[in-house]
């Protein structure tokens, strides 16, 4: 998956995993080096609950961080047709 950050225009790779390992994260960090035009990566996962360390250009969200971002308002969810206008 890919996204563009509206505030900076950066093109970002996104990986979402239900279950993962530190070595899987490291594999995707290496793959990012070969992705033309991508400057950042978001790596989000549910299990394990531990938050992995990652390079500065990789944002890692475990289940706790995902919940914090959603509740804190950093992410906005469309809940109905009126929200999509």
PDB file of N, CA and C in Angstrom:
ATOM      1  N   UNK A   1       0.850  -1.153   0.000  1.00  0.00           N
ATOM      2  CA  UNK A   1       0.000   0.000   0.000  1.00  0.00           C
ATOM      3  C   UNK A   1       0.905   1.228   0.000  1.00  0.00           C
ATOM      4  N   UNK A   2       0.423   2.296  -0.584  1.00  0.00           N
ATOM      5  CA  UNK A   2       1.171   3.546  -0.609  1.00  0.00           C
ATOM      6  C   UNK A   2       0.240   4.694  -0.247  1.00  0.00           C
ATOM      7  N   UNK A   3       0.808   5.748   0.316  1.00  0.00           N
ATOM      8  CA  UNK A   3       0.023   6.937   0.606  1.00  0.00           C
ATOM      9  C   UNK A   3       0.902   8.152   0.414  1.00  0.00           C
ATOM     10  N   UNK A   4       0.255   9.301   0.284  1.00  0.00           N
ATOM     11  CA  UNK A   4       0.964  10.569   0.181  1.00  0.00           C
ATOM     12  C   UNK A   4       0.544  11.402   1.378  1.00  0.00           C
ATOM     13  N   UNK A   5       1.528  11.876   2.146  1.00  0.00           N
ATOM     14  CA  UNK A   5       1.229  12.713   3.305  1.00  0.00           C
ATOM     15  C   UNK A   5       0.797  14.084   2.806  1.00  0.00           C
ATOM     16  N   UNK A   6      -0.413  14.523   3.160  1.00  0.00           N
ATOM     17  CA  UNK A   6      -0.924  15.791   2.626  1.00  0.00           C
ATOM     18  C   UNK A   6      -0.143  17.013   3.101  1.00  0.00           C
ATOM     19  N   UNK A   7       0.481  16.936   4.272  1.00  0.00           N
ATOM     20  CA  UNK A   7       1.200  18.094   4.798  1.00  0.00           C
ATOM     21  C   UNK A   7       2.580  18.281   4.181  1.00  0.00           C
ATOM     22  N   UNK A   8       3.199  17.198   3.721  1.00  0.00           N
ATOM     23  CA  UNK A   8       4.560  17.292   3.181  1.00  0.00           C
ATOM     24  C   UNK A   8       4.677  16.858   1.732  1.00  0.00           C
ATOM     25  N   UNK A   9       3.666  16.131   1.234  1.00  0.00           N
ATOM     26  CA  UNK A   9       3.727  15.606  -0.119  1.00  0.00           C
ATOM     27  C   UNK A   9       4.601  14.379  -0.257  1.00  0.00           C
ATOM     28  N   UNK A  10       5.101  13.852   0.873  1.00  0.00           N
ATOM     29  CA  UNK A  10       5.953  12.659   0.836  1.00  0.00           C
ATOM     30  C   UNK A  10       5.152  11.433   0.410  1.00  0.00           C
ATOM     31  N   UNK A  11       5.749  10.614  -0.427  1.00  0.00           N
ATOM     32  CA  UNK A  11       5.165   9.338  -0.827  1.00  0.00           C
ATOM     33  C   UNK A  11       5.694   8.276   0.139  1.00  0.00           C
ATOM     34  N   UNK A  12       4.775   7.550   0.776  1.00  0.00           N
ATOM     35  CA  UNK A  12       5.149   6.594   1.817  1.00  0.00           C
ATOM     36  C   UNK A  12       4.663   5.190   1.493  1.00  0.00           C
ATOM     37  N   UNK A  13       5.510   4.219   1.804  1.00  0.00           N
ATOM     38  CA  UNK A  13       5.097   2.818   1.731  1.00  0.00           C
ATOM     39  C   UNK A  13       4.417   2.475   3.050  1.00  0.00           C
ATOM     40  N   UNK A  14       3.439   1.581   2.991  1.00  0.00           N
ATOM     41  CA  UNK A  14       2.706   1.185   4.191  1.00  0.00           C
ATOM     42  C   UNK A  14       2.619  -0.333   4.236  1.00  0.00           C
ATOM     43  N   UNK A  15       2.962  -0.896   5.384  1.00  0.00           N
ATOM     44  CA  UNK A  15       2.793  -2.328   5.619  1.00  0.00           C
ATOM     45  C   UNK A  15       1.940  -2.485   6.874  1.00  0.00           C
ATOM     46  N   UNK A  16       0.901  -3.295   6.776  1.00  0.00           N
ATOM     47  CA  UNK A  16       0.021  -3.571   7.906  1.00  0.00           C
ATOM     48  C   UNK A  16       0.017  -5.074   8.126  1.00  0.00           C
ATOM     49  N   UNK A  17       0.337  -5.489   9.336  1.00  0.00           N
ATOM     50  CA  UNK A  17       0.443  -6.911   9.665  1.00  0.00           C
ATOM     51  C   UNK A  17      -0.403  -7.214  10.902  1.00  0.00           C
ATOM     52  N   UNK A  18      -1.080  -8.349  10.890  1.00  0.00           N
ATOM     53  CA  UNK A  18      -1.765  -8.773  12.110  1.00  0.00           C
ATOM     54  C   UNK A  18      -0.753  -9.337  13.099  1.00  0.00           C
ATOM     55  N   UNK A  19       0.231 -10.057  12.585  1.00  0.00           N
ATOM     56  CA  UNK A  19       1.288 -10.623  13.413  1.00  0.00           C
ATOM     57  C   UNK A  19       2.607 -10.492  12.662  1.00  0.00           C
ATOM     58  N   UNK A  20       3.668 -10.132  13.382  1.00  0.00           N
ATOM     59  CA  UNK A  20       4.946  -9.915  12.722  1.00  0.00           C
ATOM     60  C   UNK A  20       6.102 -10.185  13.674  1.00  0.00           C
ATOM     61  N   UNK A  21       7.302 -10.004  13.158  1.00  0.00           N
ATOM     62  CA  UNK A  21       8.520 -10.155  13.956  1.00  0.00           C
ATOM     63  C   UNK A  21       9.445  -8.989  13.627  1.00  0.00           C
ATOM     64  N   UNK A  22      10.437  -8.804  14.459  1.00  0.00           N
ATOM     65  CA  UNK A  22      11.441  -7.764  14.210  1.00  0.00           C
ATOM     66  C   UNK A  22      12.157  -8.032  12.877  1.00  0.00           C
ATOM     67  N   UNK A  23      12.416  -9.305  12.569  1.00  0.00           N
ATOM     68  CA  UNK A  23      13.116  -9.612  11.313  1.00  0.00           C
ATOM     69  C   UNK A  23      12.257  -9.259  10.095  1.00  0.00           C
ATOM     70  N   UNK A  24      10.953  -9.400  10.194  1.00  0.00           N
ATOM     71  CA  UNK A  24      10.076  -8.990   9.087  1.00  0.00           C
ATOM     72  C   UNK A  24      10.150  -7.484   8.889  1.00  0.00           C
ATOM     73  N   UNK A  25      10.134  -6.731   9.985  1.00  0.00           N
ATOM     74  CA  UNK A  25      10.292  -5.280   9.881  1.00  0.00           C
ATOM     75  C   UNK A  25      11.611  -4.948   9.196  1.00  0.00           C
ATOM     76  N   UNK A  26      12.683  -5.592   9.609  1.00  0.00           N
ATOM     77  CA  UNK A  26      13.997  -5.338   9.021  1.00  0.00           C
ATOM     78  C   UNK A  26      14.019  -5.654   7.524  1.00  0.00           C
ATOM     79  N   UNK A  27      13.316  -6.711   7.117  1.00  0.00           N
ATOM     80  CA  UNK A  27      13.222  -7.054   5.690  1.00  0.00           C
ATOM     81  C   UNK A  27      12.558  -5.923   4.906  1.00  0.00           C
ATOM     82  N   UNK A  28      11.464  -5.376   5.454  1.00  0.00           N
ATOM     83  CA  UNK A  28      10.756  -4.297   4.760  1.00  0.00           C
ATOM     84  C   UNK A  28      11.556  -3.005   4.757  1.00  0.00           C
ATOM     85  N   UNK A  29      12.320  -2.757   5.799  1.00  0.00           N
ATOM     86  CA  UNK A  29      13.198  -1.581   5.813  1.00  0.00           C
ATOM     87  C   UNK A  29      14.215  -1.705   4.679  1.00  0.00           C
ATOM     88  N   UNK A  30      14.762  -2.895   4.483  1.00  0.00           N
ATOM     89  CA  UNK A  30      15.703  -3.119   3.375  1.00  0.00           C
ATOM     90  C   UNK A  30      15.015  -2.954   2.027  1.00  0.00           C
ATOM     91  N   UNK A  31      13.796  -3.481   1.890  1.00  0.00           N
ATOM     92  CA  UNK A  31      13.061  -3.357   0.618  1.00  0.00           C
ATOM     93  C   UNK A  31      12.786  -1.899   0.283  1.00  0.00           C
ATOM     94  N   UNK A  32      12.537  -1.078   1.317  1.00  0.00           N
ATOM     95  CA  UNK A  32      12.231   0.334   1.091  1.00  0.00           C
ATOM     96  C   UNK A  32      13.368   1.029   0.343  1.00  0.00           C
ATOM     97  N   UNK A  33      14.587   0.604   0.581  1.00  0.00           N
ATOM     98  CA  UNK A  33      15.747   1.206  -0.097  1.00  0.00           C
ATOM     99  C   UNK A  33      15.651   1.067  -1.609  1.00  0.00           C
ATOM    100  N   UNK A  34      14.969   0.031  -2.088  1.00  0.00           N
ATOM    101  CA  UNK A  34      14.835  -0.193  -3.520  1.00  0.00           C
ATOM    102  C   UNK A  34      13.578   0.404  -4.133  1.00  0.00           C
ATOM    103  N   UNK A  35      12.704   0.987  -3.314  1.00  0.00           N
ATOM    104  CA  UNK A  35      11.461   1.577  -3.817  1.00  0.00           C
ATOM    105  C   UNK A  35      11.739   2.992  -4.304  1.00  0.00           C
ATOM    106  N   UNK A  36      11.636   3.205  -5.572  1.00  0.00           N
ATOM    107  CA  UNK A  36      11.876   4.519  -6.154  1.00  0.00           C
ATOM    108  C   UNK A  36      10.774   5.493  -5.753  1.00  0.00           C
ATOM    109  N   UNK A  37      11.172   6.652  -5.252  1.00  0.00           N
ATOM    110  CA  UNK A  37      10.211   7.706  -4.943  1.00  0.00           C
ATOM    111  C   UNK A  37       9.621   7.663  -3.547  1.00  0.00           C
ATOM    112  N   UNK A  38       9.916   6.633  -2.784  1.00  0.00           N
ATOM    113  CA  UNK A  38       9.382   6.527  -1.424  1.00  0.00           C
ATOM    114  C   UNK A  38      10.424   7.031  -0.427  1.00  0.00           C
ATOM    115  N   UNK A  39      10.020   7.963   0.429  1.00  0.00           N
ATOM    116  CA  UNK A  39      10.962   8.510   1.397  1.00  0.00           C
ATOM    117  C   UNK A  39      10.710   7.997   2.817  1.00  0.00           C
ATOM    118  N   UNK A  40       9.536   7.464   3.060  1.00  0.00           N
ATOM    119  CA  UNK A  40       9.168   6.997   4.403  1.00  0.00           C
ATOM    120  C   UNK A  40       8.388   5.696   4.306  1.00  0.00           C
ATOM    121  N   UNK A  41       8.264   5.055   5.469  1.00  0.00           N
ATOM    122  CA  UNK A  41       7.433   3.854   5.558  1.00  0.00           C
ATOM    123  C   UNK A  41       6.707   3.862   6.893  1.00  0.00           C
ATOM    124  N   UNK A  42       5.453   3.425   6.846  1.00  0.00           N
ATOM    125  CA  UNK A  42       4.684   3.159   8.055  1.00  0.00           C
ATOM    126  C   UNK A  42       4.552   1.647   8.170  1.00  0.00           C
ATOM    127  N   UNK A  43       4.853   1.117   9.337  1.00  0.00           N
ATOM    128  CA  UNK A  43       4.772  -0.319   9.597  1.00  0.00           C
ATOM    129  C   UNK A  43       3.883  -0.485  10.821  1.00  0.00           C
ATOM    130  N   UNK A  44       2.662  -0.965  10.612  1.00  0.00           N
ATOM    131  CA  UNK A  44       1.673  -1.096  11.686  1.00  0.00           C
ATOM    132  C   UNK A  44       1.331  -2.564  11.894  1.00  0.00           C
ATOM    133  N   UNK A  45       1.181  -2.951  13.168  1.00  0.00           N
ATOM    134  CA  UNK A  45       0.908  -4.359  13.458  1.00  0.00           C
ATOM    135  C   UNK A  45       0.181  -4.515  14.791  1.00  0.00           C
ATOM    136  N   UNK A  46      -0.447  -5.658  14.963  1.00  0.00           N
ATOM    137  CA  UNK A  46      -1.187  -5.976  16.180  1.00  0.00           C
ATOM    138  C   UNK A  46      -0.343  -6.768  17.177  1.00  0.00           C
ATOM    139  N   UNK A  47       0.297  -7.814  16.711  1.00  0.00           N
ATOM    140  CA  UNK A  47       1.019  -8.730  17.586  1.00  0.00           C
ATOM    141  C   UNK A  47       2.449  -8.896  17.083  1.00  0.00           C
ATOM    142  N   UNK A  48       3.414  -8.836  17.960  1.00  0.00           N
ATOM    143  CA  UNK A  48       3.403  -8.782  19.415  1.00  0.00           C
ATOM    144  C   UNK A  48       3.118  -7.361  19.918  1.00  0.00           C
ATOM    145  N   UNK A  49       2.850  -7.214  21.221  1.00  0.00           N
ATOM    146  CA  UNK A  49       2.525  -5.897  21.765  1.00  0.00           C
ATOM    147  C   UNK A  49       3.737  -4.960  21.865  1.00  0.00           C
ATOM    148  N   UNK A  50       4.961  -5.508  21.788  1.00  0.00           N
ATOM    149  CA  UNK A  50       6.168  -4.686  21.912  1.00  0.00           C
ATOM    150  C   UNK A  50       6.302  -3.737  20.727  1.00  0.00           C
ATOM    151  N   UNK A  51       6.835  -2.545  20.997  1.00  0.00           N
ATOM    152  CA  UNK A  51       7.104  -1.574  19.941  1.00  0.00           C
ATOM    153  C   UNK A  51       8.541  -1.754  19.475  1.00  0.00           C
ATOM    154  N   UNK A  52       8.725  -2.064  18.202  1.00  0.00           N
ATOM    155  CA  UNK A  52      10.052  -2.295  17.649  1.00  0.00           C
ATOM    156  C   UNK A  52      10.769  -0.968  17.380  1.00  0.00           C
ATOM    157  N   UNK A  53      12.078  -0.968  17.559  1.00  0.00           N
ATOM    158  CA  UNK A  53      12.897   0.168  17.148  1.00  0.00           C
ATOM    159  C   UNK A  53      13.053   0.121  15.629  1.00  0.00           C
ATOM    160  N   UNK A  54      13.159   1.308  15.033  1.00  0.00           N
ATOM    161  CA  UNK A  54      13.312   1.371  13.581  1.00  0.00           C
ATOM    162  C   UNK A  54      14.090   2.633  13.222  1.00  0.00           C
ATOM    163  N   UNK A  55      14.610   2.686  12.000  1.00  0.00           N
ATOM    164  CA  UNK A  55      15.305   3.899  11.551  1.00  0.00           C
ATOM    165  C   UNK A  55      14.356   5.097  11.568  1.00  0.00           C
ATOM    166  N   UNK A  56      14.941   6.274  11.541  1.00  0.00           N
ATOM    167  CA  UNK A  56      14.176   7.519  11.641  1.00  0.00           C
ATOM    168  C   UNK A  56      13.102   7.661  10.555  1.00  0.00           C
ATOM    169  N   UNK A  57      13.344   7.152   9.361  1.00  0.00           N
ATOM    170  CA  UNK A  57      12.394   7.305   8.249  1.00  0.00           C
ATOM    171  C   UNK A  57      11.287   6.237   8.258  1.00  0.00           C
ATOM    172  N   UNK A  58      11.255   5.409   9.291  1.00  0.00           N
ATOM    173  CA  UNK A  58      10.226   4.369   9.419  1.00  0.00           C
ATOM    174  C   UNK A  58       9.424   4.622  10.692  1.00  0.00           C
ATOM    175  N   UNK A  59       8.119   4.784  10.530  1.00  0.00           N
ATOM    176  CA  UNK A  59       7.225   4.967  11.665  1.00  0.00           C
ATOM    177  C   UNK A  59       6.609   3.622  12.000  1.00  0.00           C
ATOM    178  N   UNK A  60       6.805   3.174  13.231  1.00  0.00           N
ATOM    179  CA  UNK A  60       6.304   1.872  13.672  1.00  0.00           C
ATOM    180  C   UNK A  60       5.169   2.092  14.662  1.00  0.00           C
ATOM    181  N   UNK A  61       4.048   1.467  14.373  1.00  0.00           N
ATOM    182  CA  UNK A  61       2.892   1.535  15.264  1.00  0.00           C
ATOM    183  C   UNK A  61       2.487   0.126  15.657  1.00  0.00           C
ATOM    184  N   UNK A  62       2.566  -0.193  16.949  1.00  0.00           N
ATOM    185  CA  UNK A  62       1.985  -1.436  17.451  1.00  0.00           C
ATOM    186  C   UNK A  62       0.515  -1.152  17.781  1.00  0.00           C
ATOM    187  N   UNK A  63      -0.199  -2.130  18.294  1.00  0.00           N
ATOM    188  CA  UNK A  63      -1.643  -1.956  18.519  1.00  0.00           C
ATOM    189  C   UNK A  63      -1.938  -0.806  19.467  1.00  0.00           C
ATOM    190  N   UNK A  64      -1.089  -0.590  20.462  1.00  0.00           N
ATOM    191  CA  UNK A  64      -1.292   0.507  21.406  1.00  0.00           C
ATOM    192  C   UNK A  64      -1.134   1.861  20.724  1.00  0.00           C
ATOM    193  N   UNK A  65      -0.112   1.973  19.881  1.00  0.00           N
ATOM    194  CA  UNK A  65       0.144   3.229  19.177  1.00  0.00           C
ATOM    195  C   UNK A  65      -0.949   3.511  18.144  1.00  0.00           C
ATOM    196  N   UNK A  66      -1.447   2.466  17.485  1.00  0.00           N
ATOM    197  CA  UNK A  66      -2.557   2.651  16.530  1.00  0.00           C
ATOM    198  C   UNK A  66      -3.766   3.223  17.263  1.00  0.00           C
ATOM    199  N   UNK A  67      -4.107   2.632  18.406  1.00  0.00           N
ATOM    200  CA  UNK A  67      -5.251   3.113  19.193  1.00  0.00           C
ATOM    201  C   UNK A  67      -5.022   4.553  19.657  1.00  0.00           C
ATOM    202  N   UNK A  68      -3.820   4.860  20.113  1.00  0.00           N
ATOM    203  CA  UNK A  68      -3.504   6.209  20.585  1.00  0.00           C
ATOM    204  C   UNK A  68      -3.656   7.224  19.458  1.00  0.00           C
ATOM    205  N   UNK A  69      -3.189   6.892  18.261  1.00  0.00           N
ATOM    206  CA  UNK A  69      -3.298   7.800  17.121  1.00  0.00           C
ATOM    207  C   UNK A  69      -4.761   8.027  16.727  1.00  0.00           C
ATOM    208  N   UNK A  70      -5.554   6.968  16.761  1.00  0.00           N
ATOM    209  CA  UNK A  70      -6.968   7.103  16.398  1.00  0.00           C
ATOM    210  C   UNK A  70      -7.733   7.916  17.436  1.00  0.00           C
ATOM    211  N   UNK A  71      -7.503   7.625  18.707  1.00  0.00           N
ATOM    212  CA  UNK A  71      -8.202   8.335  19.777  1.00  0.00           C
ATOM    213  C   UNK A  71      -7.714   9.771  19.886  1.00  0.00           C
ATOM    214  N   UNK A  72      -6.411   9.986  19.677  1.00  0.00           N
ATOM    215  CA  UNK A  72      -5.838  11.318  19.780  1.00  0.00           C
ATOM    216  C   UNK A  72      -6.204  12.239  18.629  1.00  0.00           C
ATOM    217  N   UNK A  73      -6.787  11.703  17.585  1.00  0.00           N
ATOM    218  CA  UNK A  73      -7.248  12.530  16.481  1.00  0.00           C
ATOM    219  C   UNK A  73      -6.260  12.718  15.353  1.00  0.00           C
ATOM    220  N   UNK A  74      -5.099  12.050  15.404  1.00  0.00           N
ATOM    221  CA  UNK A  74      -4.143  12.184  14.303  1.00  0.00           C
ATOM    222  C   UNK A  74      -4.669  11.532  13.039  1.00  0.00           C
ATOM    223  N   UNK A  75      -5.508  10.525  13.202  1.00  0.00           N
ATOM    224  CA  UNK A  75      -6.132   9.850  12.064  1.00  0.00           C
ATOM    225  C   UNK A  75      -7.605  10.196  12.080  1.00  0.00           C
ATOM    226  N   UNK A  76      -8.182  10.430  10.921  1.00  0.00           N
ATOM    227  CA  UNK A  76      -9.595  10.732  10.840  1.00  0.00           C
ATOM    228  C   UNK A  76     -10.280   9.643  10.037  1.00  0.00           C
ATOM    229  N   UNK A  77     -11.317   9.067  10.614  1.00  0.00           N
ATOM    230  CA  UNK A  77     -12.057   8.008   9.947  1.00  0.00           C
ATOM    231  C   UNK A  77     -13.350   8.553   9.378  1.00  0.00           C
ATOM    232  N   UNK A  78     -13.685   8.142   8.172  1.00  0.00           N
ATOM    233  CA  UNK A  78     -14.968   8.487   7.583  1.00  0.00           C
ATOM    234  C   UNK A  78     -15.993   7.516   8.147  1.00  0.00           C
ATOM    235  N   UNK A  79     -17.042   8.055   8.769  1.00  0.00           N
ATOM    236  CA  UNK A  79     -18.038   7.202   9.409  1.00  0.00           C
ATOM    237  C   UNK A  79     -19.352   7.167   8.666  1.00  0.00           C
ATOM    238  N   UNK A  80     -19.509   8.002   7.673  1.00  0.00           N
ATOM    239  CA  UNK A  80     -20.756   8.010   6.918  1.00  0.00           C
ATOM    240  C   UNK A  80     -20.582   8.822   5.641  1.00  0.00           C
ATOM    241  N   UNK A  81     -21.615   8.852   4.818  1.00  0.00           N
ATOM    242  CA  UNK A  81     -21.538   9.550   3.535  1.00  0.00           C
ATOM    243  C   UNK A  81     -21.237  11.029   3.704  1.00  0.00           C
ATOM    244  N   UNK A  82     -21.771  11.648   4.759  1.00  0.00           N
ATOM    245  CA  UNK A  82     -21.524  13.085   4.973  1.00  0.00           C
ATOM    246  C   UNK A  82     -20.044  13.353   5.242  1.00  0.00           C
ATOM    247  N   UNK A  83     -19.329  12.386   5.841  1.00  0.00           N
ATOM    248  CA  UNK A  83     -17.911  12.566   6.141  1.00  0.00           C
ATOM    249  C   UNK A  83     -17.056  12.502   4.883  1.00  0.00           C
ATOM    250  N   UNK A  84     -17.573  11.966   3.818  1.00  0.00           N
ATOM    251  CA  UNK A  84     -16.801  11.763   2.604  1.00  0.00           C
ATOM    252  C   UNK A  84     -16.849  12.963   1.658  1.00  0.00           C
ATOM    253  N   UNK A  85     -17.654  13.967   1.979  1.00  0.00           N
ATOM    254  CA  UNK A  85     -17.797  15.146   1.099  1.00  0.00           C
ATOM    255  C   UNK A  85     -16.615  16.063   1.205  1.00  0.00           C
TER     256      UNK A  85
END
